[in-house]
Amino acid sequence: MSKRPDTKETVLLALELMRRIPRNRKVSAKELHEQLVDTEVGRDLRTIQRQLEMLSEHFDIERDDRSKPYG
């Protein structure tokens, strides 16, 4: 079983996602995952999806929820 990331790692991932979400176009979780795969905050696609869902609930981030996986 893999170890759960600590709070610092979770916050760093959230900040990195916020930095990479463009203001003038849409981006998918898969695209963000591909950008992060070789960085120190790289996580699996499902983790990225969960973080994006949480961020869209707390910040002004538009989420395309017409079908799963959300965009």
Protein backbone atom coordinates (compact mmCIF):
# COMPACT_ATOMS: atom_id res chain seq x y z
CA MET A 1 0.00 0.00 0.00
CA SER A 2 1.37 3.42 -0.92
CA LYS A 3 1.98 6.08 1.70
CA ARG A 4 -0.42 8.98 1.86
CA PRO A 5 1.14 12.35 0.95
CA ASP A 6 1.60 14.77 3.83
CA THR A 7 -0.10 18.16 4.04
CA LYS A 8 2.87 20.00 2.57
CA GLU A 9 2.90 17.77 -0.52
CA THR A 10 -0.87 18.21 -0.95
CA VAL A 11 -0.59 22.00 -0.72
CA LEU A 12 2.32 22.05 -3.18
CA LEU A 13 0.27 20.01 -5.64
CA ALA A 14 -2.72 22.36 -5.27
CA LEU A 15 -0.52 25.42 -5.83
CA GLU A 16 1.15 23.85 -8.85
CA LEU A 17 -2.23 22.99 -10.36
CA MET A 18 -3.49 26.54 -9.77
CA ARG A 19 -0.36 27.87 -11.48
CA ARG A 20 -0.87 25.63 -14.52
CA ILE A 21 -4.61 26.23 -15.07
CA PRO A 22 -4.84 28.70 -17.96
CA ARG A 23 -7.13 31.72 -17.69
CA ASN A 24 -8.13 31.94 -21.35
CA ARG A 25 -8.83 28.32 -22.31
CA LYS A 26 -9.87 24.98 -20.92
CA VAL A 27 -7.44 22.32 -19.81
CA SER A 28 -8.15 18.70 -18.95
CA ALA A 29 -7.00 16.77 -15.92
CA LYS A 30 -5.12 14.47 -18.29
CA GLU A 31 -3.21 17.43 -19.79
CA LEU A 32 -2.29 18.67 -16.31
CA HIS A 33 -1.25 15.15 -15.29
CA GLU A 34 1.04 14.94 -18.33
CA GLN A 35 2.62 18.28 -17.41
CA LEU A 36 3.24 17.14 -13.83
CA VAL A 37 4.33 13.54 -14.40
CA ASP A 38 8.06 14.31 -14.35
CA THR A 39 7.99 16.93 -11.59
CA GLU A 40 8.45 16.48 -7.87
CA VAL A 41 4.72 17.02 -7.34
CA GLY A 42 3.69 14.44 -9.95
CA ARG A 43 0.77 12.25 -8.88
CA ASP A 44 -1.53 9.77 -10.58
CA LEU A 45 -4.39 11.00 -12.74
CA ARG A 46 -7.07 10.22 -10.17
CA THR A 47 -5.31 12.33 -7.54
CA ILE A 48 -5.13 15.24 -10.00
CA GLN A 49 -8.87 14.83 -10.67
CA ARG A 50 -9.67 14.90 -6.93
CA GLN A 51 -7.53 17.99 -6.38
CA LEU A 52 -9.17 19.80 -9.30
CA GLU A 53 -12.62 18.97 -7.94
CA MET A 54 -11.67 20.38 -4.53
CA LEU A 55 -10.11 23.50 -6.07
CA SER A 56 -13.17 24.16 -8.24
CA GLU A 57 -15.37 24.06 -5.13
CA HIS A 58 -13.28 26.65 -3.26
CA PHE A 59 -12.00 28.92 -6.03
CA ASP A 60 -13.42 30.55 -9.15
CA ILE A 61 -12.49 27.68 -11.47
CA GLU A 62 -15.04 26.63 -14.06
CA ARG A 63 -15.65 22.89 -14.23
CA ASP A 64 -17.27 21.11 -17.15
CA ASP A 65 -19.48 18.61 -15.34
CA ARG A 66 -21.61 17.47 -18.28
CA SER A 67 -20.01 14.02 -18.20
CA LYS A 68 -17.37 12.18 -16.24
CA PRO A 69 -14.48 12.58 -16.12
CA TYR A 70 -15.13 16.24 -15.57
CA GLY A 71 -13.20 18.79 -17.59
